[in-house]
Amino acid sequence: MRIKLSIVTALFLSLFLQQSALATPQVQTSVSDNSVFLGDLFTLTIDLNDSDSDYQLDTRPLEKDFTVYRPSQSRSSTYINGEFNELTKWQITLQAKKVGELTIPALKIGTLTTESIKISVKEAPEQATKAQDNLIFMENSLNKNSVYLGQQLIFTTKIFISENTNELDLIAPYLEGGDISVYGKDKNGQTIRNGIRYKTITRQFQINATQAGLFTIKSPLLTGNLRKIVKISEWQNRVIADPINIRGDSLQVEIKAKPENYQGEWLISEDVRLIEDPALNQQSYHVGEPITRSITLQVASVNKDKLPNIKFNYPKKLRFYPDQDELKEGQANALIYAVRTVRHAIIADQVGELTLPEIKLAWWNSQTDKQEFAVLPAQTLTILAAEKEQTEVAVSNFATPSSDKEQTTNIIVDNESLIYWQIATAILLFALLMLIFYHLSYRRQQTANRAKNIKITQPLNQAYLTLQAVLKKDDVALIYQALLNYAQNEFPALKSLSQLADYLSLDIQDKKQLLSEIKALENACSAPSVTWNSTQLTMLIKKYYQQKTDNPGKNIMNLNP
């Protein structure tokens, strides 16, 4: 009896242990490829036969030797032949950081641990790689095999795809010491190769080398997934994503240094132009009149941020007020042009001839392989004295009406009445003279009593009246001209408005304020976008004029011998 009981107990324990073993979660680890090239993307897959949310994957140990992209996680359940199964899957995209034999370390998932996997990483080949059966491949080309430093190089990649793909990504080519960016827009098309129809994607890259020598441009890398249909059973298929890493041929290029006989700042292009628009056809201008210049530099096959600055070499005493340069790009004659437009205003403050120096820009013609110069010749302008604003005065003409026909009037003179009128007129005239004499005597006495309080009133000059009228308007050019006229009328020795503050009998603070207002007025004349208010300038001019009329003997001009 005891023997039978022992056998039953042993069978029960064996069955219990077997069920416990089957209930223990199992982890399986695999990679899409055990041998990859440096830069290739491959997938690490981890399967767990449980769907409990407590299982969390720790990917931090991978970061030592691999670039880790965000993992994806999925859960599923199946019920087949009376068996219920649950599955949790992680897929992690990896990229090796170095060449050699690397190890994907064991990873922790809650209390569980995955197995480590060996990965062989090789240098990327210089020859093209293709997907199986030529489903996907790439072709590369260069527009030139030899260029100068700073010369634009166009790298073209054409991708051929014959099957459905997903999540494609093209990593740019690589040139040691080169700046690489996408050039233009992708072009899509179709073609047939060896009886197979392909979709094509063409992308161009712009490369600017930063050092001379013979270099290899490594091919771009196309990564993504190729969708494949796998047969699971007679009535069921499954679509899987097969990772791909496709390269084209690497290409050789010679980068030549700047020629030794070249002079000036290095600039290489097929075409360089300097244009002034509008040209300064008006050869004479007036003192204080803004002279606006607009000069455009057009350079083919150069990025707009690589355009050189335009040097004007103006005399130091010449005042000019620049706007911010305008940079843009355009296309003409199958070439991409970078364009810099420079606008500024010049204000001459002296009468005579003003010479604007020659503008000369050196550049290397990549087509003729010679140095050339883009030139705007020097210009000589005649500066005349400032024009005084003419004030029109309206005069009312009083006309005495006359009849069209002459009329004859007979006058009868009464001598007796005339004598009486003459006597009355004489008496009234005498009384008027006595009244005037009394009034003058009274005024003379009052003037003597207030001698210390007398104010001498200066006659108003026309330039001041004109300036006061113009200051009420919003026309800054007209204000500038009127202020210059008034200053030259008041102080003939004055040469420019910037000296006006030194001539006026104002305190130091007011002089500084006046100089600041004059500069602000000049900026408003040269730049239409600048706003300026005449209130402060009007107050300062009135203050000076009031001091001048109150204290005529203290005019600063009277202090000069």
Protein backbone atom coordinates (compact mmCIF):
# COMPACT_ATOMS: atom_id res chain seq x y z
CA MET A 1 0.00 0.00 0.00
CA ARG A 2 2.83 2.27 0.92
CA ILE A 3 4.57 1.46 -2.37
CA LYS A 4 1.51 2.47 -4.39
CA LEU A 5 1.22 5.73 -2.43
CA SER A 6 4.86 6.59 -3.17
CA ILE A 7 4.39 5.95 -6.88
CA VAL A 8 1.33 8.22 -7.03
CA THR A 9 3.16 10.95 -5.13
CA ALA A 10 6.16 10.72 -7.51
CA LEU A 11 3.91 10.96 -10.55
CA PHE A 12 2.10 13.98 -9.11
CA LEU A 13 5.37 15.80 -8.33
CA SER A 14 6.74 15.02 -11.81
CA LEU A 15 3.58 16.41 -13.44
CA PHE A 16 3.71 19.54 -11.23
CA LEU A 17 7.34 20.23 -12.02
CA GLN A 18 6.68 19.77 -15.75
CA GLN A 19 3.79 22.27 -15.66
CA SER A 20 5.96 24.70 -13.70
CA ALA A 21 8.73 24.40 -16.29
CA LEU A 22 6.26 25.03 -19.09
CA ALA A 23 4.90 28.08 -17.24
CA THR A 24 8.36 29.68 -16.87
CA PRO A 25 8.78 32.54 -19.41
CA GLN A 26 11.35 31.90 -22.15
CA VAL A 27 13.42 34.58 -23.99
CA GLN A 28 14.83 34.23 -27.53
CA THR A 29 17.27 36.72 -29.14
CA SER A 30 18.24 37.12 -32.83
CA VAL A 31 19.74 39.69 -35.25
CA SER A 32 18.92 40.40 -38.89
CA ASP A 33 22.60 39.99 -39.86
CA ASN A 34 25.68 38.82 -37.93
CA SER A 35 28.10 40.44 -40.42
CA VAL A 36 27.60 44.12 -41.27
CA PHE A 37 29.53 47.08 -42.66
CA LEU A 38 30.36 50.14 -40.63
CA GLY A 39 27.36 52.47 -40.94
CA ASP A 40 24.87 49.69 -41.74
CA LEU A 41 21.64 49.50 -39.79
CA PHE A 42 20.56 46.07 -38.51
CA THR A 43 17.79 44.83 -36.22
CA LEU A 44 18.01 43.08 -32.86
CA THR A 45 14.81 41.08 -32.11
CA ILE A 46 13.87 39.78 -28.64
CA ASP A 47 10.86 37.41 -28.17
CA LEU A 48 9.28 36.67 -24.78
CA ASN A 49 6.46 34.10 -24.42
CA ASP A 50 4.56 36.26 -21.97
CA SER A 51 2.67 39.55 -22.24
CA ASP A 52 2.89 40.81 -18.67
CA SER A 53 3.42 44.60 -18.58
CA ASP A 54 5.94 44.19 -15.76
CA TYR A 55 8.61 43.12 -18.24
CA GLN A 56 10.71 46.19 -19.11
CA LEU A 57 13.74 46.05 -21.44
CA ASP A 58 16.94 47.88 -20.43
CA THR A 59 18.93 48.86 -23.60
CA ARG A 60 21.61 51.01 -21.91
CA PRO A 61 24.39 48.32 -22.16
CA LEU A 62 24.10 48.55 -25.98
CA GLU A 63 25.18 52.22 -26.07
CA LYS A 64 28.88 51.45 -25.55
CA ASP A 65 29.50 49.97 -29.02
CA PHE A 66 26.28 50.77 -30.91
CA THR A 67 24.07 53.69 -31.80
CA VAL A 68 20.68 52.67 -30.45
CA TYR A 69 17.49 53.83 -32.13
CA ARG A 70 14.17 53.88 -30.31
CA PRO A 71 12.93 50.29 -29.85
CA SER A 72 9.45 49.16 -30.88
CA GLN A 73 7.38 46.82 -28.70
CA SER A 74 4.37 44.67 -29.62
CA ARG A 75 2.15 42.12 -27.82
CA SER A 76 0.05 39.34 -29.37
CA SER A 77 -2.01 36.31 -28.33
CA THR A 78 -2.85 33.09 -30.22
CA TYR A 79 -5.14 30.12 -29.57
CA ILE A 80 -4.20 27.08 -31.68
CA ASN A 81 -5.38 23.48 -31.13
CA GLY A 82 -6.64 24.28 -27.67
CA GLU A 83 -3.42 25.99 -26.59
CA PHE A 84 -3.37 29.64 -25.60
CA ASN A 85 -0.06 31.48 -26.18
CA GLU A 86 1.01 35.07 -25.41
CA LEU A 87 4.02 36.82 -26.95
CA THR A 88 5.89 40.12 -26.36
CA LYS A 89 8.35 41.26 -29.05
CA TRP A 90 10.99 44.02 -29.02
CA GLN A 91 12.76 45.19 -32.18
CA ILE A 92 15.76 47.54 -31.79
CA THR A 93 17.60 49.15 -34.72
CA LEU A 94 21.37 49.29 -34.14
CA GLN A 95 24.38 50.84 -35.90
CA ALA A 96 27.94 49.85 -35.00
CA LYS A 97 30.28 52.63 -33.88
CA LYS A 98 33.55 50.94 -34.87
CA VAL A 99 35.09 48.16 -36.95
CA GLY A 100 35.89 44.78 -35.35
CA GLU A 101 34.35 41.85 -33.54
CA LEU A 102 31.67 43.32 -31.30
CA THR A 103 29.31 41.71 -28.82
CA ILE A 104 25.68 42.52 -28.21
CA PRO A 105 25.67 42.10 -24.42
CA ALA A 106 23.10 40.25 -22.36
CA LEU A 107 20.14 42.51 -21.60
CA LYS A 108 17.81 42.46 -18.62
CA ILE A 109 14.04 42.14 -19.00
CA GLY A 110 12.68 42.35 -15.50
CA THR A 111 14.10 39.29 -13.75
CA LEU A 112 15.05 37.63 -17.04
CA THR A 113 18.28 37.95 -19.05
CA THR A 114 18.87 37.61 -22.81
CA GLU A 115 21.80 35.80 -24.44
CA SER A 116 24.77 37.73 -25.88
CA ILE A 117 25.41 37.67 -29.66
CA LYS A 118 28.65 38.19 -31.63
CA ILE A 119 28.66 40.74 -34.49
CA SER A 120 31.38 41.18 -37.14
CA VAL A 121 31.74 44.82 -38.35
CA LYS A 122 33.81 45.59 -41.50
CA GLU A 123 34.82 48.74 -43.33
CA ALA A 124 32.24 49.85 -45.89
CA PRO A 125 33.24 48.74 -49.42
CA GLU A 126 34.06 51.20 -52.19
CA GLN A 127 32.07 49.11 -54.67
CA ALA A 128 28.29 49.16 -54.93
CA THR A 129 26.17 46.73 -52.93
CA LYS A 130 22.79 45.40 -54.09
CA ALA A 131 19.78 43.72 -52.59
CA GLN A 132 19.16 40.08 -53.45
CA ASP A 133 18.15 39.55 -57.11
CA ASN A 134 18.89 43.25 -57.84
CA LEU A 135 15.61 44.31 -56.24
CA ILE A 136 17.21 47.57 -55.08
CA PHE A 137 20.50 49.19 -56.13
CA MET A 138 22.16 52.62 -56.42
CA GLU A 139 24.30 54.50 -58.96
CA ASN A 140 26.51 57.52 -58.14
CA SER A 141 28.15 60.16 -60.36
CA LEU A 142 30.04 63.49 -60.13
CA ASN A 143 29.68 66.53 -62.37
CA LYS A 144 33.48 67.03 -62.24
CA ASN A 145 36.42 64.85 -61.26
CA SER A 146 38.75 67.79 -60.52
CA VAL A 147 37.83 71.10 -58.88
CA TYR A 148 39.49 73.98 -57.02
CA LEU A 149 39.06 74.73 -53.35
CA GLY A 150 35.78 76.56 -52.89
CA GLN A 151 34.41 75.35 -56.21
CA GLN A 152 31.01 73.73 -56.09
CA LEU A 153 30.93 69.95 -56.64
CA ILE A 154 27.63 68.15 -57.42
CA PHE A 155 27.29 64.50 -56.33
CA THR A 156 24.29 62.71 -57.90
CA THR A 157 22.72 59.54 -56.47
CA LYS A 158 20.11 57.54 -58.37
CA ILE A 159 18.20 54.77 -56.55
CA PHE A 160 16.46 51.91 -58.40
CA ILE A 161 13.59 50.12 -56.56
CA SER A 162 11.59 47.20 -57.98
CA GLU A 163 9.76 45.96 -54.85
CA ASN A 164 7.66 47.46 -52.09
CA THR A 165 9.75 49.15 -49.46
CA ASN A 166 9.08 50.91 -46.19
CA GLU A 167 10.77 53.61 -44.07
CA LEU A 168 13.53 54.38 -46.56
CA ASP A 169 16.24 56.80 -45.43
CA LEU A 170 19.21 58.07 -47.44
CA ILE A 171 22.30 59.04 -45.45
CA ALA A 172 24.45 61.68 -47.22
CA PRO A 173 27.84 60.87 -48.80
CA TYR A 174 31.01 61.58 -46.82
CA LEU A 175 34.10 63.58 -47.77
CA GLU A 176 36.82 64.21 -45.24
CA GLY A 177 37.02 67.93 -44.55
CA GLY A 178 34.03 68.76 -46.77
CA ASP A 179 30.71 70.55 -46.29
CA ILE A 180 27.83 68.53 -47.76
CA SER A 181 24.19 69.57 -48.19
CA VAL A 182 21.20 68.53 -50.32
CA TYR A 183 21.09 70.38 -53.66
CA GLY A 184 17.71 71.06 -55.23
CA LYS A 185 14.71 68.71 -55.01
CA ASP A 186 14.43 64.95 -55.51
CA LYS A 187 13.28 63.72 -58.92
CA ASN A 188 11.08 60.62 -59.28
CA GLY A 189 10.79 58.51 -62.42
CA GLN A 190 10.60 55.02 -63.92
CA THR A 191 12.91 52.93 -66.08
CA ILE A 192 13.46 49.34 -67.28
CA ARG A 193 16.77 47.53 -66.71
CA ASN A 194 17.34 43.94 -67.85
CA GLY A 195 13.61 43.44 -68.30
CA ILE A 196 12.78 44.64 -64.77
CA ARG A 197 10.73 47.79 -64.18
CA TYR A 198 12.17 50.06 -61.50
CA LYS A 199 10.97 53.18 -59.75
CA THR A 200 13.81 55.70 -59.60
CA ILE A 201 14.64 58.43 -57.05
CA THR A 202 17.39 60.92 -57.93
CA ARG A 203 18.92 63.15 -55.27
CA GLN A 204 21.82 65.59 -55.63
CA PHE A 205 24.28 66.75 -52.99
CA GLN A 206 26.38 69.90 -53.04
CA ILE A 207 29.93 69.40 -51.75
CA ASN A 208 32.43 72.13 -50.85
CA ALA A 209 35.90 70.85 -49.99
CA THR A 210 37.95 72.65 -47.33
CA GLN A 211 41.37 71.17 -48.08
CA ALA A 212 43.36 70.27 -51.17
CA GLY A 213 44.39 66.77 -52.20
CA LEU A 214 43.12 63.51 -53.73
CA PHE A 215 40.06 62.22 -51.86
CA THR A 216 37.47 59.44 -51.94
CA ILE A 217 33.85 60.42 -51.55
CA LYS A 218 32.10 57.58 -49.76
CA SER A 219 28.74 56.59 -51.20
CA PRO A 220 25.45 57.52 -49.57
CA LEU A 221 23.77 54.73 -47.60
CA LEU A 222 20.15 53.71 -48.24
CA THR A 223 18.50 52.08 -45.24
CA GLY A 224 14.98 50.84 -44.63
CA ASN A 225 12.89 47.72 -44.93
CA LEU A 226 12.04 45.50 -47.90
CA ARG A 227 8.57 44.03 -47.53
CA LYS A 228 8.49 40.27 -48.15
CA ILE A 229 5.62 37.78 -48.09
CA VAL A 230 6.38 34.55 -46.20
CA LYS A 231 4.13 31.49 -46.51
CA ILE A 232 3.14 30.14 -43.09
CA SER A 233 0.67 27.50 -44.23
CA GLU A 234 -1.41 26.54 -47.23
CA TRP A 235 -4.02 29.14 -46.37
CA GLN A 236 -2.02 31.77 -44.51
CA ASN A 237 0.80 34.18 -45.54
CA ARG A 238 2.74 36.66 -43.46
CA VAL A 239 4.36 39.98 -44.47
CA ILE A 240 7.75 40.58 -42.89
CA ALA A 241 10.13 43.58 -43.04
CA ASP A 242 13.62 42.64 -44.20
CA PRO A 243 16.22 45.37 -43.32
CA ILE A 244 18.32 46.66 -46.24
CA ASN A 245 21.63 48.57 -46.49
CA ILE A 246 22.37 49.64 -50.07
CA ARG A 247 25.42 51.61 -51.29
CA GLY A 248 26.68 52.81 -54.65
CA ASP A 249 30.29 53.10 -55.80
CA SER A 250 32.62 55.43 -53.90
CA LEU A 251 34.11 58.10 -56.20
CA GLN A 252 37.54 59.73 -56.47
CA VAL A 253 37.94 63.51 -56.75
CA GLU A 254 40.94 65.87 -56.98
CA ILE A 255 40.73 69.11 -54.98
CA LYS A 256 43.23 71.69 -56.32
CA ALA A 257 44.66 74.50 -54.20
CA LYS A 258 44.38 78.21 -55.12
CA PRO A 259 46.84 79.10 -57.93
CA GLU A 260 50.03 80.75 -56.65
CA ASN A 261 49.75 83.66 -59.09
CA TYR A 262 46.21 84.56 -57.97
CA GLN A 263 45.85 87.98 -56.31
CA GLY A 264 43.02 89.03 -54.02
CA GLU A 265 40.36 87.27 -51.98
CA TRP A 266 39.74 83.79 -53.43
CA LEU A 267 36.53 83.48 -55.45
CA ILE A 268 35.95 80.86 -58.13
CA SER A 269 32.96 80.73 -60.48
CA GLU A 270 31.81 80.41 -64.09
CA ASP A 271 30.40 83.95 -64.10
CA VAL A 272 30.70 87.04 -61.87
CA ARG A 273 28.94 90.37 -62.48
CA LEU A 274 28.83 93.78 -60.78
CA ILE A 275 25.81 95.93 -61.71
CA GLU A 276 24.74 99.38 -60.55
CA ASP A 277 21.04 100.07 -61.00
CA PRO A 278 20.08 102.77 -61.52
CA ALA A 279 23.32 104.23 -62.76
CA LEU A 280 24.21 107.72 -61.54
CA ASN A 281 23.30 109.39 -64.82
CA GLN A 282 22.60 112.68 -63.05
CA GLN A 283 26.12 114.01 -62.79
CA SER A 284 25.38 117.04 -60.58
CA TYR A 285 23.88 117.08 -57.10
CA HIS A 286 23.44 119.65 -54.35
CA VAL A 287 25.02 119.85 -50.91
CA GLY A 288 22.85 117.93 -48.44
CA GLU A 289 20.99 116.04 -51.16
CA PRO A 290 20.98 112.24 -50.58
CA ILE A 291 22.63 110.28 -53.42
CA THR A 292 21.25 106.72 -53.46
CA ARG A 293 23.34 103.82 -54.80
CA SER A 294 22.15 100.26 -55.46
CA ILE A 295 24.87 97.78 -56.45
CA THR A 296 24.28 94.06 -57.17
CA LEU A 297 26.88 91.28 -57.13
CA GLN A 298 25.90 88.11 -59.05
CA VAL A 299 28.08 84.99 -58.71
CA ALA A 300 27.32 81.63 -60.36
CA SER A 301 27.66 78.29 -58.53
CA VAL A 302 28.35 79.78 -55.09
CA ASN A 303 26.23 79.60 -51.95
CA LYS A 304 24.75 82.97 -50.98
CA ASP A 305 26.37 82.76 -47.53
CA LYS A 306 29.78 82.44 -49.27
CA LEU A 307 29.44 85.70 -51.23
CA PRO A 308 32.25 88.22 -50.63
CA ASN A 309 31.55 91.71 -49.30
CA ILE A 310 31.76 94.69 -51.68
CA LYS A 311 34.45 97.20 -50.72
CA PHE A 312 33.66 100.82 -51.72
CA ASN A 313 36.86 102.53 -50.47
CA TYR A 314 35.07 105.83 -49.88
CA PRO A 315 37.07 108.78 -48.45
CA LYS A 316 36.85 108.90 -44.66
CA LYS A 317 35.21 112.32 -44.65
CA LEU A 318 32.37 111.17 -46.93
CA ARG A 319 29.23 110.30 -45.03
CA PHE A 320 27.27 107.28 -46.24
CA TYR A 321 24.41 105.38 -44.65
CA PRO A 322 24.07 101.68 -45.63
CA ASP A 323 20.96 99.50 -45.51
CA GLN A 324 21.23 95.82 -44.62
CA ASP A 325 22.49 93.68 -47.52
CA GLU A 326 19.89 91.58 -49.34
CA LEU A 327 20.92 87.98 -50.14
CA LYS A 328 19.00 85.66 -52.46
CA GLU A 329 19.43 82.98 -55.14
CA GLY A 330 18.16 82.63 -58.70
CA GLN A 331 18.65 80.57 -61.85
CA ALA A 332 19.72 81.71 -65.32
CA ASN A 333 21.39 79.95 -68.26
CA ALA A 334 21.28 76.60 -66.42
CA LEU A 335 23.35 78.08 -63.58
CA ILE A 336 22.38 78.85 -59.98
CA TYR A 337 23.38 82.43 -59.06
CA ALA A 338 23.90 83.82 -55.58
CA VAL A 339 22.99 87.52 -55.45
CA ARG A 340 24.05 90.21 -52.97
CA THR A 341 22.35 93.62 -53.29
CA VAL A 342 23.88 96.58 -51.41
CA ARG A 343 21.98 99.86 -51.02
CA HIS A 344 23.19 103.00 -49.28
CA ALA A 345 22.86 106.78 -49.39
CA ILE A 346 25.72 109.29 -49.74
CA ILE A 347 25.42 112.86 -48.46
CA ALA A 348 27.99 115.38 -49.72
CA ASP A 349 28.52 118.44 -47.48
CA GLN A 350 31.07 120.36 -49.58
CA VAL A 351 30.78 122.14 -52.91
CA GLY A 352 33.02 120.82 -55.69
CA GLU A 353 33.75 117.53 -57.42
CA LEU A 354 33.09 114.24 -55.63
CA THR A 355 34.88 111.14 -56.96
CA LEU A 356 33.36 107.74 -56.18
CA PRO A 357 36.27 105.24 -56.36
CA GLU A 358 36.40 102.26 -58.69
CA ILE A 359 34.93 99.00 -57.35
CA LYS A 360 37.03 96.01 -58.36
CA LEU A 361 36.47 92.36 -57.44
CA ALA A 362 38.96 89.62 -58.33
CA TRP A 363 37.74 86.13 -59.28
CA TRP A 364 39.00 82.94 -60.93
CA ASN A 365 37.18 81.81 -64.07
CA SER A 366 36.75 78.03 -63.75
CA GLN A 367 35.99 77.70 -67.47
CA THR A 368 39.04 79.56 -68.83
CA ASP A 369 41.23 78.71 -65.80
CA LYS A 370 42.36 82.36 -65.58
CA GLN A 371 42.02 85.25 -63.15
CA GLU A 372 39.55 87.98 -64.09
CA PHE A 373 38.09 91.12 -62.49
CA ALA A 374 34.53 92.40 -62.17
CA VAL A 375 34.76 96.21 -62.30
CA LEU A 376 32.52 99.23 -61.76
CA PRO A 377 34.51 102.26 -63.01
CA ALA A 378 35.09 105.37 -60.89
CA GLN A 379 32.52 108.16 -61.18
CA THR A 380 32.96 111.91 -60.72
CA LEU A 381 29.94 113.89 -59.52
CA THR A 382 29.56 117.66 -59.39
CA ILE A 383 28.30 118.96 -56.03
CA LEU A 384 26.58 122.34 -56.22
CA ALA A 385 25.62 124.75 -53.45
CA ALA A 386 22.41 123.94 -51.63
CA GLU A 387 19.24 125.23 -53.28
CA LYS A 388 17.31 127.78 -51.18
CA GLU A 389 13.60 127.21 -51.01
CA GLN A 390 11.67 129.94 -52.74
CA THR A 391 8.83 131.33 -50.68
CA GLU A 392 5.95 132.59 -52.71
CA VAL A 393 4.25 135.67 -51.32
CA ALA A 394 0.76 136.40 -52.51
CA VAL A 395 0.23 140.10 -53.14
CA SER A 396 -3.29 141.49 -53.38
CA ASN A 397 -3.69 144.09 -56.12
CA PHE A 398 -6.24 146.73 -55.49
CA ALA A 399 -7.67 148.28 -58.68
CA THR A 400 -9.69 151.48 -58.85
CA PRO A 401 -12.74 150.94 -60.98
CA SER A 402 -13.29 153.36 -63.77
CA SER A 403 -16.26 153.93 -65.94
CA ASP A 404 -16.19 153.14 -69.59
CA LYS A 405 -17.39 156.58 -70.50
CA GLU A 406 -16.00 159.88 -69.35
CA GLN A 407 -18.48 162.00 -67.43
CA THR A 408 -18.31 165.79 -67.29
CA THR A 409 -19.23 167.38 -63.94
CA ASN A 410 -19.90 171.06 -63.47
CA ILE A 411 -18.56 172.27 -60.07
CA ILE A 412 -20.00 175.43 -58.55
CA VAL A 413 -17.67 176.98 -55.95
CA ASP A 414 -19.11 178.89 -52.97
CA ASN A 415 -16.21 181.16 -51.83
CA GLU A 416 -17.81 182.12 -48.50
CA SER A 417 -18.40 178.53 -47.44
CA LEU A 418 -14.85 177.58 -48.54
CA ILE A 419 -13.28 180.11 -46.14
CA TYR A 420 -15.19 178.64 -43.17
CA TRP A 421 -14.05 175.12 -44.05
CA GLN A 422 -10.41 176.21 -44.31
CA ILE A 423 -10.49 177.83 -40.83
CA ALA A 424 -12.05 174.69 -39.26
CA THR A 425 -9.46 172.47 -40.90
CA ALA A 426 -6.57 174.58 -39.57
CA ILE A 427 -7.91 174.41 -36.01
CA LEU A 428 -8.30 170.63 -36.15
CA LEU A 429 -4.78 170.24 -37.57
CA PHE A 430 -3.29 172.35 -34.75
CA ALA A 431 -5.15 170.27 -32.13
CA LEU A 432 -3.85 167.06 -33.73
CA LEU A 433 -0.25 168.31 -33.67
CA MET A 434 -0.55 169.24 -29.97
CA LEU A 435 -1.91 165.78 -29.19
CA ILE A 436 0.97 164.08 -31.02
CA PHE A 437 3.53 166.22 -29.22
CA TYR A 438 1.99 165.34 -25.84
CA HIS A 439 1.94 161.64 -26.68
CA LEU A 440 5.61 161.61 -27.73
CA SER A 441 6.66 163.43 -24.57
CA TYR A 442 4.74 160.93 -22.43
CA ARG A 443 6.30 157.94 -24.24
CA ARG A 444 9.76 159.41 -23.89
CA GLN A 445 9.30 159.72 -20.14
CA GLN A 446 7.96 156.16 -19.81
CA THR A 447 10.88 154.84 -21.90
CA ALA A 448 13.39 156.50 -19.62
CA ASN A 449 11.77 154.89 -16.56
CA ARG A 450 11.95 151.40 -18.09
CA ALA A 451 15.34 151.66 -19.81
CA LYS A 452 16.69 148.63 -17.99
CA ASN A 453 13.84 146.44 -19.18
CA ILE A 454 14.02 147.33 -22.87
CA LYS A 455 14.25 144.39 -25.28
CA ILE A 456 15.66 144.94 -28.72
CA THR A 457 13.59 143.09 -31.29
CA GLN A 458 15.58 141.66 -34.16
CA PRO A 459 13.97 141.58 -37.57
CA LEU A 460 12.88 138.08 -38.63
CA ASN A 461 14.83 136.76 -41.62
CA GLN A 462 13.25 134.81 -44.45
CA ALA A 463 15.37 131.65 -43.90
CA TYR A 464 14.14 131.35 -40.31
CA LEU A 465 10.51 131.81 -41.36
CA THR A 466 10.90 129.16 -44.04
CA LEU A 467 12.51 126.73 -41.57
CA GLN A 468 9.70 127.20 -39.05
CA ALA A 469 7.10 126.51 -41.74
CA VAL A 470 8.90 123.42 -43.08
CA LEU A 471 9.43 121.91 -39.59
CA LYS A 472 5.66 121.47 -39.36
CA LYS A 473 5.72 119.10 -42.35
CA ASP A 474 6.73 115.41 -42.53
CA ASP A 475 9.16 115.79 -45.46
CA VAL A 476 12.59 115.06 -43.94
CA ALA A 477 14.45 115.98 -47.16
CA LEU A 478 12.72 119.39 -47.23
CA ILE A 479 13.51 119.93 -43.52
CA TYR A 480 17.16 119.06 -44.08
CA GLN A 481 17.39 121.53 -46.99
CA ALA A 482 15.65 124.33 -45.03
CA LEU A 483 17.87 123.76 -41.98
CA LEU A 484 20.99 123.88 -44.16
CA ASN A 485 19.78 127.12 -45.82
CA TYR A 486 19.10 128.72 -42.43
CA ALA A 487 22.48 127.61 -41.03
CA GLN A 488 24.42 128.96 -44.03
CA ASN A 489 22.42 132.22 -43.95
CA GLU A 490 23.04 132.63 -40.21
CA PHE A 491 26.68 131.54 -40.24
CA PRO A 492 28.37 131.99 -43.65
CA ALA A 493 31.57 130.28 -42.41
CA LEU A 494 29.71 127.04 -41.64
CA LYS A 495 30.73 124.16 -43.97
CA SER A 496 28.43 121.31 -42.83
CA LEU A 497 25.41 120.82 -40.59
CA SER A 498 27.47 118.73 -38.18
CA GLN A 499 29.22 122.02 -37.17
CA LEU A 500 25.98 123.87 -36.38
CA ALA A 501 25.96 122.92 -32.71
CA ASP A 502 29.36 124.62 -32.25
CA TYR A 503 28.04 127.93 -33.66
CA LEU A 504 24.86 128.18 -31.59
CA SER A 505 24.92 129.83 -28.16
CA LEU A 506 23.34 126.89 -26.31
CA ASP A 507 24.41 125.03 -23.20
CA ILE A 508 26.42 121.82 -23.50
CA GLN A 509 23.42 119.51 -23.02
CA ASP A 510 21.39 121.31 -25.69
CA LYS A 511 24.34 121.22 -28.11
CA LYS A 512 24.63 117.45 -27.67
CA GLN A 513 20.91 117.10 -28.22
CA LEU A 514 21.06 119.25 -31.36
CA LEU A 515 23.95 117.21 -32.80
CA SER A 516 21.99 114.01 -32.10
CA GLU A 517 18.90 115.42 -33.84
CA ILE A 518 20.93 116.42 -36.92
CA LYS A 519 22.37 112.89 -37.19
CA ALA A 520 18.89 111.40 -36.79
CA LEU A 521 17.62 113.72 -39.55
CA GLU A 522 20.44 112.63 -41.88
CA ASN A 523 19.65 108.95 -41.20
CA ALA A 524 15.98 109.58 -41.99
CA CYS A 525 16.99 111.24 -45.28
CA SER A 526 19.13 108.27 -46.35
CA ALA A 527 16.88 105.46 -45.14
CA PRO A 528 13.13 105.78 -45.86
CA SER A 529 12.35 103.13 -43.23
CA VAL A 530 13.75 105.33 -40.42
CA THR A 531 11.17 107.48 -38.63
CA TRP A 532 12.06 110.87 -37.14
CA ASN A 533 10.09 113.59 -35.33
CA SER A 534 10.93 117.28 -35.67
CA THR A 535 9.58 118.34 -32.25
CA GLN A 536 12.95 118.33 -30.46
CA LEU A 537 14.75 120.13 -33.29
CA THR A 538 12.01 122.79 -33.46
CA MET A 539 12.33 123.43 -29.72
CA LEU A 540 16.13 123.81 -29.89
CA ILE A 541 16.02 126.22 -32.87
CA LYS A 542 13.37 128.36 -31.16
CA LYS A 543 15.38 128.36 -27.94
CA TYR A 544 18.48 129.63 -29.74
CA TYR A 545 16.51 132.26 -31.64
CA GLN A 546 14.86 133.51 -28.43
CA GLN A 547 18.25 133.81 -26.70
CA LYS A 548 19.58 135.67 -29.71
CA THR A 549 16.75 138.23 -29.71
CA ASP A 550 16.90 138.69 -25.92
CA ASN A 551 20.69 139.12 -25.86
CA PRO A 552 21.85 140.47 -29.22
CA GLY A 553 25.21 141.47 -27.86
CA LYS A 554 25.99 137.94 -26.79
CA ASN A 555 25.80 136.36 -30.22
CA ILE A 556 28.71 133.99 -30.51
CA MET A 557 29.60 135.42 -33.89
CA ASN A 558 30.21 138.84 -32.25
CA LEU A 559 32.87 137.27 -30.05
CA ASN A 560 35.07 136.43 -33.03
CA PRO A 561 37.49 139.27 -33.92
